[in-house]
Amino acid sequence: TASGLEVELAVASPDWARTDPLDPGTRRVVTDGACVLH
C-alpha cells in the first residue's frame, strides 16, 4: 500500500485445505496462527 503495509494473498485451489490427507505445509501454516474470515 502507499503507506508501506505489505499484503500477501496466497491464492490456491480448495485442495489446499484438504484434510485427508492433511499436507504438512498446510498444517504448519494453520498451526502457526490462523483465523477464518470467509
Full PDB file with SEQRES, HELIX, SHEET, SSBOND, CRYST1, ORIGX, SCALE, CONECT and MASTER records, all heavy atoms in Angstrom:
SEQRES   1 A   38  THR ALA SER GLY LEU GLU VAL GLU LEU ALA VAL ALA SER          
SEQRES   2 A   38  PRO ASP TRP ALA ARG THR ASP PRO LEU ASP PRO GLY THR          
SEQRES   3 A   38  ARG ARG VAL VAL THR ASP GLY ALA CYS VAL LEU HIS              
HELIX    1 AA1 PRO A   14  ALA A   17  5                                   4    
HELIX    2 AA2 PRO A   24  THR A   31  1                                   8    
CRYST1    1.000    1.000    1.000  90.00  90.00  90.00 P 1           1          
ORIGX1      1.000000  0.000000  0.000000        0.00000                         
ORIGX2      0.000000  1.000000  0.000000        0.00000                         
ORIGX3      0.000000  0.000000  1.000000        0.00000                         
SCALE1      1.000000  0.000000  0.000000        0.00000                         
SCALE2      0.000000  1.000000  0.000000        0.00000                         
SCALE3      0.000000  0.000000  1.000000        0.00000                         
ATOM      1  N   THR A   1       0.841  -1.187   0.000  1.00  0.00           N  
ATOM      2  CA  THR A   1       0.000   0.000   0.000  1.00  0.00           C  
ATOM      3  C   THR A   1       0.884   1.247   0.000  1.00  0.00           C  
ATOM      4  O   THR A   1       2.101   1.161   0.216  1.00  0.00           O  
ATOM      5  CB  THR A   1      -0.926   0.041   1.226  1.00  0.00           C  
ATOM      6  OG1 THR A   1      -0.129   0.214   2.407  1.00  0.00           O  
ATOM      7  CG2 THR A   1      -1.769  -1.232   1.347  1.00  0.00           C  
ATOM      8  N   ALA A   2       0.267   2.397  -0.208  1.00  0.00           N  
ATOM      9  CA  ALA A   2       1.014   3.656  -0.237  1.00  0.00           C  
ATOM     10  C   ALA A   2       1.756   3.903   1.071  1.00  0.00           C  
ATOM     11  O   ALA A   2       2.829   4.509   1.076  1.00  0.00           O  
ATOM     12  CB  ALA A   2       0.068   4.816  -0.545  1.00  0.00           C  
ATOM     13  N   SER A   3       1.222   3.417   2.186  1.00  0.00           N  
ATOM     14  CA  SER A   3       1.870   3.616   3.486  1.00  0.00           C  
ATOM     15  C   SER A   3       3.021   2.644   3.730  1.00  0.00           C  
ATOM     16  O   SER A   3       3.736   2.761   4.713  1.00  0.00           O  
ATOM     17  CB  SER A   3       0.842   3.467   4.611  1.00  0.00           C  
ATOM     18  OG  SER A   3       0.528   2.095   4.779  1.00  0.00           O  
ATOM     19  N   GLY A   4       3.140   1.619   2.861  1.00  0.00           N  
ATOM     20  CA  GLY A   4       4.192   0.618   3.029  1.00  0.00           C  
ATOM     21  C   GLY A   4       3.713  -0.691   3.620  1.00  0.00           C  
ATOM     22  O   GLY A   4       4.494  -1.632   3.739  1.00  0.00           O  
ATOM     23  N   LEU A   5       2.440  -0.789   3.993  1.00  0.00           N  
ATOM     24  CA  LEU A   5       1.909  -2.046   4.515  1.00  0.00           C  
ATOM     25  C   LEU A   5       1.925  -3.088   3.399  1.00  0.00           C  
ATOM     26  O   LEU A   5       1.424  -2.843   2.303  1.00  0.00           O  
ATOM     27  CB  LEU A   5       0.476  -1.867   5.022  1.00  0.00           C  
ATOM     28  CG  LEU A   5      -0.223  -3.146   5.504  1.00  0.00           C  
ATOM     29  CD1 LEU A   5       0.472  -3.720   6.740  1.00  0.00           C  
ATOM     30  CD2 LEU A   5      -1.697  -2.865   5.785  1.00  0.00           C  
ATOM     31  N   GLU A   6       2.504  -4.241   3.682  1.00  0.00           N  
ATOM     32  CA  GLU A   6       2.515  -5.321   2.704  1.00  0.00           C  
ATOM     33  C   GLU A   6       1.372  -6.276   2.982  1.00  0.00           C  
ATOM     34  O   GLU A   6       1.096  -6.615   4.135  1.00  0.00           O  
ATOM     35  CB  GLU A   6       3.857  -6.049   2.706  1.00  0.00           C  
ATOM     36  CG  GLU A   6       4.956  -5.154   2.176  1.00  0.00           C  
ATOM     37  CD  GLU A   6       6.196  -5.890   1.705  1.00  0.00           C  
ATOM     38  OE1 GLU A   6       6.221  -7.138   1.725  1.00  0.00           O  
ATOM     39  OE2 GLU A   6       7.134  -5.196   1.285  1.00  0.00           O  
ATOM     40  N   VAL A   7       0.704  -6.674   1.906  1.00  0.00           N  
ATOM     41  CA  VAL A   7      -0.420  -7.599   1.968  1.00  0.00           C  
ATOM     42  C   VAL A   7      -0.085  -8.759   1.046  1.00  0.00           C  
ATOM     43  O   VAL A   7       0.127  -8.567  -0.150  1.00  0.00           O  
ATOM     44  CB  VAL A   7      -1.734  -6.919   1.524  1.00  0.00           C  
ATOM     45  CG1 VAL A   7      -2.896  -7.912   1.599  1.00  0.00           C  
ATOM     46  CG2 VAL A   7      -2.010  -5.675   2.363  1.00  0.00           C  
ATOM     47  N   GLU A   8      -0.006  -9.955   1.611  1.00  0.00           N  
ATOM     48  CA  GLU A   8       0.281 -11.147   0.832  1.00  0.00           C  
ATOM     49  C   GLU A   8      -0.986 -11.972   0.722  1.00  0.00           C  
ATOM     50  O   GLU A   8      -1.559 -12.379   1.727  1.00  0.00           O  
ATOM     51  CB  GLU A   8       1.365 -11.995   1.485  1.00  0.00           C  
ATOM     52  CG  GLU A   8       1.637 -13.271   0.729  1.00  0.00           C  
ATOM     53  CD  GLU A   8       2.616 -14.183   1.433  1.00  0.00           C  
ATOM     54  OE1 GLU A   8       3.591 -13.688   2.003  1.00  0.00           O  
ATOM     55  OE2 GLU A   8       2.374 -15.399   1.395  1.00  0.00           O  
ATOM     56  N   LEU A   9      -1.413 -12.196  -0.510  1.00  0.00           N  
ATOM     57  CA  LEU A   9      -2.547 -13.069  -0.775  1.00  0.00           C  
ATOM     58  C   LEU A   9      -1.994 -14.336  -1.408  1.00  0.00           C  
ATOM     59  O   LEU A   9      -1.464 -14.296  -2.519  1.00  0.00           O  
ATOM     60  CB  LEU A   9      -3.540 -12.387  -1.711  1.00  0.00           C  
ATOM     61  CG  LEU A   9      -4.306 -11.265  -1.030  1.00  0.00           C  
ATOM     62  CD1 LEU A   9      -4.375 -10.051  -1.909  1.00  0.00           C  
ATOM     63  CD2 LEU A   9      -5.679 -11.752  -0.658  1.00  0.00           C  
ATOM     64  N   ALA A  10      -2.075 -15.435  -0.694  1.00  0.00           N  
ATOM     65  CA  ALA A  10      -1.650 -16.727  -1.219  1.00  0.00           C  
ATOM     66  C   ALA A  10      -2.870 -17.348  -1.878  1.00  0.00           C  
ATOM     67  O   ALA A  10      -3.826 -17.738  -1.206  1.00  0.00           O  
ATOM     68  CB  ALA A  10      -1.115 -17.614  -0.104  1.00  0.00           C  
ATOM     69  N   VAL A  11      -2.882 -17.384  -3.190  1.00  0.00           N  
ATOM     70  CA  VAL A  11      -4.021 -17.865  -3.966  1.00  0.00           C  
ATOM     71  C   VAL A  11      -3.854 -19.360  -4.199  1.00  0.00           C  
ATOM     72  O   VAL A  11      -2.796 -19.816  -4.653  1.00  0.00           O  
ATOM     73  CB  VAL A  11      -4.132 -17.102  -5.303  1.00  0.00           C  
ATOM     74  CG1 VAL A  11      -5.299 -17.622  -6.125  1.00  0.00           C  
ATOM     75  CG2 VAL A  11      -4.244 -15.591  -5.057  1.00  0.00           C  
ATOM     76  N   ALA A  12      -4.921 -20.118  -3.893  1.00  0.00           N  
ATOM     77  CA  ALA A  12      -4.855 -21.572  -4.041  1.00  0.00           C  
ATOM     78  C   ALA A  12      -6.233 -22.129  -4.369  1.00  0.00           C  
ATOM     79  O   ALA A  12      -7.251 -21.487  -4.138  1.00  0.00           O  
ATOM     80  CB  ALA A  12      -4.331 -22.213  -2.758  1.00  0.00           C  
ATOM     81  N   SER A  13      -6.236 -23.347  -4.847  1.00  0.00           N  
ATOM     82  CA  SER A  13      -7.497 -24.057  -5.066  1.00  0.00           C  
ATOM     83  C   SER A  13      -7.979 -24.592  -3.714  1.00  0.00           C  
ATOM     84  O   SER A  13      -7.197 -24.680  -2.757  1.00  0.00           O  
ATOM     85  CB  SER A  13      -7.302 -25.202  -6.053  1.00  0.00           C  
ATOM     86  OG  SER A  13      -6.689 -26.298  -5.407  1.00  0.00           O  
ATOM     87  N   PRO A  14      -9.232 -24.991  -3.621  1.00  0.00           N  
ATOM     88  CA  PRO A  14      -9.740 -25.566  -2.365  1.00  0.00           C  
ATOM     89  C   PRO A  14      -8.977 -26.807  -1.920  1.00  0.00           C  
ATOM     90  O   PRO A  14      -9.006 -27.158  -0.735  1.00  0.00           O  
ATOM     91  CB  PRO A  14     -11.200 -25.888  -2.698  1.00  0.00           C  
ATOM     92  CG  PRO A  14     -11.554 -24.945  -3.796  1.00  0.00           C  
ATOM     93  CD  PRO A  14     -10.288 -24.804  -4.605  1.00  0.00           C  
ATOM     94  N   ASP A  15      -8.263 -27.478  -2.838  1.00  0.00           N  
ATOM     95  CA  ASP A  15      -7.463 -28.655  -2.466  1.00  0.00           C  
ATOM     96  C   ASP A  15      -6.425 -28.332  -1.397  1.00  0.00           C  
ATOM     97  O   ASP A  15      -6.005 -29.216  -0.651  1.00  0.00           O  
ATOM     98  CB  ASP A  15      -6.752 -29.242  -3.689  1.00  0.00           C  
ATOM     99  CG  ASP A  15      -7.710 -29.946  -4.628  1.00  0.00           C  
ATOM    100  OD1 ASP A  15      -8.849 -30.253  -4.222  1.00  0.00           O  
ATOM    101  OD2 ASP A  15      -7.308 -30.188  -5.786  1.00  0.00           O  
ATOM    102  N   TRP A  16      -5.991 -27.065  -1.316  1.00  0.00           N  
ATOM    103  CA  TRP A  16      -5.010 -26.668  -0.307  1.00  0.00           C  
ATOM    104  C   TRP A  16      -5.522 -26.988   1.102  1.00  0.00           C  
ATOM    105  O   TRP A  16      -4.746 -27.312   1.995  1.00  0.00           O  
ATOM    106  CB  TRP A  16      -4.713 -25.173  -0.429  1.00  0.00           C  
ATOM    107  CG  TRP A  16      -3.706 -24.692   0.559  1.00  0.00           C  
ATOM    108  CD1 TRP A  16      -2.346 -24.724   0.426  1.00  0.00           C  
ATOM    109  CD2 TRP A  16      -3.963 -24.095   1.834  1.00  0.00           C  
ATOM    110  NE1 TRP A  16      -1.746 -24.194   1.547  1.00  0.00           N  
ATOM    111  CE2 TRP A  16      -2.725 -23.801   2.430  1.00  0.00           C  
ATOM    112  CE3 TRP A  16      -5.124 -23.788   2.538  1.00  0.00           C  
ATOM    113  CZ2 TRP A  16      -2.604 -23.215   3.688  1.00  0.00           C  
ATOM    114  CZ3 TRP A  16      -5.021 -23.214   3.792  1.00  0.00           C  
ATOM    115  CH2 TRP A  16      -3.757 -22.932   4.346  1.00  0.00           C  
ATOM    116  N   ALA A  17      -6.839 -26.924   1.282  1.00  0.00           N  
ATOM    117  CA  ALA A  17      -7.449 -27.141   2.604  1.00  0.00           C  
ATOM    118  C   ALA A  17      -7.886 -28.587   2.828  1.00  0.00           C  
ATOM    119  O   ALA A  17      -8.518 -28.891   3.844  1.00  0.00           O  
ATOM    120  CB  ALA A  17      -8.641 -26.203   2.772  1.00  0.00           C  
ATOM    121  N   ARG A  18      -7.542 -29.468   1.918  1.00  0.00           N  
ATOM    122  CA  ARG A  18      -7.935 -30.872   2.052  1.00  0.00           C  
ATOM    123  C   ARG A  18      -7.358 -31.455   3.346  1.00  0.00           C  
ATOM    124  O   ARG A  18      -6.204 -31.210   3.690  1.00  0.00           O  
ATOM    125  CB  ARG A  18      -7.429 -31.645   0.834  1.00  0.00           C  
ATOM    126  CG  ARG A  18      -8.098 -32.979   0.627  1.00  0.00           C  
ATOM    127  CD  ARG A  18      -7.679 -33.637  -0.664  1.00  0.00           C  
ATOM    128  NE  ARG A  18      -6.227 -33.839  -0.664  1.00  0.00           N  
ATOM    129  CZ  ARG A  18      -5.441 -33.506  -1.681  1.00  0.00           C  
ATOM    130  NH1 ARG A  18      -5.916 -32.974  -2.761  1.00  0.00           N  
ATOM    131  NH2 ARG A  18      -4.139 -33.724  -1.606  1.00  0.00           N  
ATOM    132  N   THR A  19      -8.154 -32.234   4.045  1.00  0.00           N  
ATOM    133  CA  THR A  19      -7.710 -32.788   5.323  1.00  0.00           C  
ATOM    134  C   THR A  19      -7.415 -34.284   5.258  1.00  0.00           C  
ATOM    135  O   THR A  19      -6.944 -34.851   6.242  1.00  0.00           O  
ATOM    136  CB  THR A  19      -8.762 -32.542   6.427  1.00  0.00           C  
ATOM    137  OG1 THR A  19     -10.000 -33.143   6.040  1.00  0.00           O  
ATOM    138  CG2 THR A  19      -8.952 -31.062   6.674  1.00  0.00           C  
ATOM    139  N   ASP A  20      -7.688 -34.926   4.131  1.00  0.00           N  
ATOM    140  CA  ASP A  20      -7.441 -36.350   4.019  1.00  0.00           C  
ATOM    141  C   ASP A  20      -6.751 -36.660   2.701  1.00  0.00           C  
ATOM    142  O   ASP A  20      -7.424 -36.859   1.688  1.00  0.00           O  
ATOM    143  CB  ASP A  20      -8.750 -37.125   4.129  1.00  0.00           C  
ATOM    144  CG  ASP A  20      -8.521 -38.628   4.193  1.00  0.00           C  
ATOM    145  OD1 ASP A  20      -7.411 -39.058   4.579  1.00  0.00           O  
ATOM    146  OD2 ASP A  20      -9.451 -39.375   3.839  1.00  0.00           O  
ATOM    147  N   PRO A  21      -5.434 -36.636   2.669  1.00  0.00           N  
ATOM    148  CA  PRO A  21      -4.525 -36.396   3.790  1.00  0.00           C  
ATOM    149  C   PRO A  21      -4.274 -34.896   3.984  1.00  0.00           C  
ATOM    150  O   PRO A  21      -4.439 -34.098   3.061  1.00  0.00           O  
ATOM    151  CB  PRO A  21      -3.238 -37.095   3.339  1.00  0.00           C  
ATOM    152  CG  PRO A  21      -3.241 -36.918   1.850  1.00  0.00           C  
ATOM    153  CD  PRO A  21      -4.706 -37.005   1.437  1.00  0.00           C  
ATOM    154  N   LEU A  22      -3.850 -34.539   5.170  1.00  0.00           N  
ATOM    155  CA  LEU A  22      -3.513 -33.159   5.504  1.00  0.00           C  
ATOM    156  C   LEU A  22      -2.053 -32.907   5.141  1.00  0.00           C  
ATOM    157  O   LEU A  22      -1.155 -33.601   5.618  1.00  0.00           O  
ATOM    158  CB  LEU A  22      -3.739 -32.907   6.993  1.00  0.00           C  
ATOM    159  CG  LEU A  22      -3.459 -31.514   7.521  1.00  0.00           C  
ATOM    160  CD1 LEU A  22      -4.289 -30.469   6.783  1.00  0.00           C  
ATOM    161  CD2 LEU A  22      -3.755 -31.446   9.006  1.00  0.00           C  
ATOM    162  N   ASP A  23      -1.840 -31.941   4.264  1.00  0.00           N  
ATOM    163  CA  ASP A  23      -0.489 -31.601   3.824  1.00  0.00           C  
ATOM    164  C   ASP A  23       0.307 -31.006   4.988  1.00  0.00           C  
ATOM    165  O   ASP A  23      -0.203 -30.133   5.703  1.00  0.00           O  
ATOM    166  CB  ASP A  23      -0.577 -30.588   2.682  1.00  0.00           C  
ATOM    167  CG  ASP A  23       0.788 -30.175   2.197  1.00  0.00           C  
ATOM    168  OD1 ASP A  23       1.403 -30.959   1.457  1.00  0.00           O  
ATOM    169  OD2 ASP A  23       1.236 -29.061   2.562  1.00  0.00           O  
ATOM    170  N   PRO A  24       1.544 -31.449   5.202  1.00  0.00           N  
ATOM    171  CA  PRO A  24       2.350 -30.920   6.310  1.00  0.00           C  
ATOM    172  C   PRO A  24       2.576 -29.405   6.216  1.00  0.00           C  
ATOM    173  O   PRO A  24       2.599 -28.715   7.234  1.00  0.00           O  
ATOM    174  CB  PRO A  24       3.674 -31.679   6.204  1.00  0.00           C  
ATOM    175  CG  PRO A  24       3.362 -32.905   5.419  1.00  0.00           C  
ATOM    176  CD  PRO A  24       2.232 -32.552   4.507  1.00  0.00           C  
ATOM    177  N   GLY A  25       2.747 -28.889   5.011  1.00  0.00           N  
ATOM    178  CA  GLY A  25       2.933 -27.442   4.847  1.00  0.00           C  
ATOM    179  C   GLY A  25       1.683 -26.670   5.226  1.00  0.00           C  
ATOM    180  O   GLY A  25       1.752 -25.627   5.882  1.00  0.00           O  
ATOM    181  N   THR A  26       0.534 -27.184   4.833  1.00  0.00           N  
ATOM    182  CA  THR A  26      -0.735 -26.555   5.200  1.00  0.00           C  
ATOM    183  C   THR A  26      -0.900 -26.583   6.714  1.00  0.00           C  
ATOM    184  O   THR A  26      -1.287 -25.586   7.330  1.00  0.00           O  
ATOM    185  CB  THR A  26      -1.912 -27.277   4.508  1.00  0.00           C  
ATOM    186  OG1 THR A  26      -1.740 -27.168   3.094  1.00  0.00           O  
ATOM    187  CG2 THR A  26      -3.241 -26.682   4.909  1.00  0.00           C  
ATOM    188  N   ARG A  27      -0.588 -27.718   7.331  1.00  0.00           N  
ATOM    189  CA  ARG A  27      -0.687 -27.827   8.798  1.00  0.00           C  
ATOM    190  C   ARG A  27       0.194 -26.774   9.476  1.00  0.00           C  
ATOM    191  O   ARG A  27      -0.221 -26.116  10.420  1.00  0.00           O  
ATOM    192  CB  ARG A  27      -0.283 -29.215   9.270  1.00  0.00           C  
ATOM    193  CG  ARG A  27      -0.353 -29.348  10.804  1.00  0.00           C  
ATOM    194  CD  ARG A  27       0.204 -30.671  11.311  1.00  0.00           C  
ATOM    195  NE  ARG A  27      -0.499 -31.822  10.804  1.00  0.00           N  
ATOM    196  CZ  ARG A  27      -1.600 -32.345  11.359  1.00  0.00           C  
ATOM    197  NH1 ARG A  27      -2.112 -31.785  12.426  1.00  0.00           N  
ATOM    198  NH2 ARG A  27      -2.159 -33.409  10.842  1.00  0.00           N  
ATOM    199  N   ARG A  28       1.424 -26.584   8.982  1.00  0.00           N  
ATOM    200  CA  ARG A  28       2.334 -25.588   9.565  1.00  0.00           C  
ATOM    201  C   ARG A  28       1.744 -24.187   9.494  1.00  0.00           C  
ATOM    202  O   ARG A  28       1.807 -23.425  10.462  1.00  0.00           O  
ATOM    203  CB  ARG A  28       3.693 -25.611   8.863  1.00  0.00           C  
ATOM    204  CG  ARG A  28       4.739 -26.439   9.548  1.00  0.00           C  
ATOM    205  CD  ARG A  28       6.129 -26.240   8.958  1.00  0.00           C  
ATOM    206  NE  ARG A  28       6.195 -26.286   7.503  1.00  0.00           N  
ATOM    207  CZ  ARG A  28       6.234 -27.394   6.782  1.00  0.00           C  
ATOM    208  NH1 ARG A  28       6.210 -28.566   7.361  1.00  0.00           N  
ATOM    209  NH2 ARG A  28       6.317 -27.329   5.470  1.00  0.00           N  
ATOM    210  N   VAL A  29       1.187 -23.846   8.330  1.00  0.00           N  
ATOM    211  CA  VAL A  29       0.593 -22.518   8.151  1.00  0.00           C  
ATOM    212  C   VAL A  29      -0.538 -22.305   9.161  1.00  0.00           C  
ATOM    213  O   VAL A  29      -0.611 -21.278   9.829  1.00  0.00           O  
ATOM    214  CB  VAL A  29       0.075 -22.332   6.708  1.00  0.00           C  
ATOM    215  CG1 VAL A  29      -0.789 -21.095   6.580  1.00  0.00           C  
ATOM    216  CG2 VAL A  29       1.250 -22.263   5.734  1.00  0.00           C  
ATOM    217  N   VAL A  30      -1.412 -23.291   9.294  1.00  0.00           N  
ATOM    218  CA  VAL A  30      -2.579 -23.167  10.166  1.00  0.00           C  
ATOM    219  C   VAL A  30      -2.178 -23.155  11.629  1.00  0.00           C  
ATOM    220  O   VAL A  30      -2.673 -22.329  12.410  1.00  0.00           O  
ATOM    221  CB  VAL A  30      -3.606 -24.277   9.867  1.00  0.00           C  
ATOM    222  CG1 VAL A  30      -4.738 -24.266  10.880  1.00  0.00           C  
ATOM    223  CG2 VAL A  30      -4.154 -24.112   8.450  1.00  0.00           C  
ATOM    224  N   THR A  31      -1.272 -24.026  12.039  1.00  0.00           N  
ATOM    225  CA  THR A  31      -0.901 -24.087  13.454  1.00  0.00           C  
ATOM    226  C   THR A  31      -0.034 -22.913  13.885  1.00  0.00           C  
ATOM    227  O   THR A  31       0.083 -22.634  15.073  1.00  0.00           O  
ATOM    228  CB  THR A  31      -0.197 -25.420  13.804  1.00  0.00           C  
ATOM    229  OG1 THR A  31       0.969 -25.566  12.995  1.00  0.00           O  
ATOM    230  CG2 THR A  31      -1.133 -26.591  13.606  1.00  0.00           C  
ATOM    231  N   ASP A  32       0.538 -22.187  12.929  1.00  0.00           N  
ATOM    232  CA  ASP A  32       1.334 -21.001  13.247  1.00  0.00           C  
ATOM    233  C   ASP A  32       0.449 -19.787  13.544  1.00  0.00           C  
ATOM    234  O   ASP A  32       0.939 -18.744  13.938  1.00  0.00           O  
ATOM    235  CB  ASP A  32       2.285 -20.696  12.080  1.00  0.00           C  
ATOM    236  CG  ASP A  32       3.297 -19.630  12.434  1.00  0.00           C  
ATOM    237  OD1 ASP A  32       3.796 -19.633  13.582  1.00  0.00           O  
ATOM    238  OD2 ASP A  32       3.591 -18.781  11.574  1.00  0.00           O  
ATOM    239  N   GLY A  33      -0.835 -19.924  13.346  1.00  0.00           N  
ATOM    240  CA  GLY A  33      -1.791 -18.851  13.607  1.00  0.00           C  
ATOM    241  C   GLY A  33      -2.729 -18.702  12.435  1.00  0.00           C  
ATOM    242  O   GLY A  33      -2.280 -18.479  11.312  1.00  0.00           O  
ATOM    243  N   ALA A  34      -4.006 -18.895  12.685  1.00  0.00           N  
ATOM    244  CA  ALA A  34      -4.994 -18.802  11.608  1.00  0.00           C  
ATOM    245  C   ALA A  34      -6.322 -18.332  12.173  1.00  0.00           C  
ATOM    246  O   ALA A  34      -6.716 -18.718  13.264  1.00  0.00           O  
ATOM    247  CB  ALA A  34      -5.169 -20.160  10.931  1.00  0.00           C  
ATOM    248  N   CYS A  35      -6.980 -17.505  11.388  1.00  0.00           N  
ATOM    249  CA  CYS A  35      -8.305 -17.009  11.744  1.00  0.00           C  
ATOM    250  C   CYS A  35      -9.177 -17.061  10.490  1.00  0.00           C  
ATOM    251  O   CYS A  35      -8.847 -16.440   9.478  1.00  0.00           O  
ATOM    252  CB  CYS A  35      -8.195 -15.580  12.267  1.00  0.00           C  
ATOM    253  SG  CYS A  35      -9.785 -14.854  12.684  1.00  0.00           S  
ATOM    254  N   VAL A  36     -10.252 -17.808  10.553  1.00  0.00           N  
ATOM    255  CA  VAL A  36     -11.162 -17.947   9.419  1.00  0.00           C  
ATOM    256  C   VAL A  36     -11.941 -16.643   9.250  1.00  0.00           C  
ATOM    257  O   VAL A  36     -12.566 -16.167  10.188  1.00  0.00           O  
ATOM    258  CB  VAL A  36     -12.123 -19.135   9.624  1.00  0.00           C  
ATOM    259  CG1 VAL A  36     -13.144 -19.213   8.499  1.00  0.00           C  
ATOM    260  CG2 VAL A  36     -11.344 -20.445   9.754  1.00  0.00           C  
ATOM    261  N   LEU A  37     -11.882 -16.084   8.036  1.00  0.00           N  
ATOM    262  CA  LEU A  37     -12.578 -14.830   7.752  1.00  0.00           C  
ATOM    263  C   LEU A  37     -13.801 -15.023   6.860  1.00  0.00           C  
ATOM    264  O   LEU A  37     -14.789 -14.299   6.999  1.00  0.00           O  
ATOM    265  CB  LEU A  37     -11.618 -13.839   7.074  1.00  0.00           C  
ATOM    266  CG  LEU A  37     -10.378 -13.449   7.868  1.00  0.00           C  
ATOM    267  CD1 LEU A  37      -9.472 -12.567   7.025  1.00  0.00           C  
ATOM    268  CD2 LEU A  37     -10.768 -12.751   9.159  1.00  0.00           C  
ATOM    269  N   HIS A  38     -13.717 -15.955   5.927  1.00  0.00           N  
ATOM    270  CA  HIS A  38     -14.818 -16.224   4.985  1.00  0.00           C  
ATOM    271  C   HIS A  38     -14.798 -17.713   4.708  1.00  0.00           C  
ATOM    272  O   HIS A  38     -13.777 -18.244   4.257  1.00  0.00           O  
ATOM    273  CB  HIS A  38     -14.607 -15.410   3.696  1.00  0.00           C  
ATOM    274  CG  HIS A  38     -15.628 -15.683   2.642  1.00  0.00           C  
ATOM    275  ND1 HIS A  38     -16.907 -15.182   2.704  1.00  0.00           N  
ATOM    276  CD2 HIS A  38     -15.557 -16.403   1.489  1.00  0.00           C  
ATOM    277  CE1 HIS A  38     -17.578 -15.577   1.634  1.00  0.00           C  
ATOM    278  NE2 HIS A  38     -16.785 -16.316   0.882  1.00  0.00           N  
TER     279      HIS A  38                                                      
MASTER        0    0    0    2    0    0    0    6  278    1    0    3          
END                                                                             
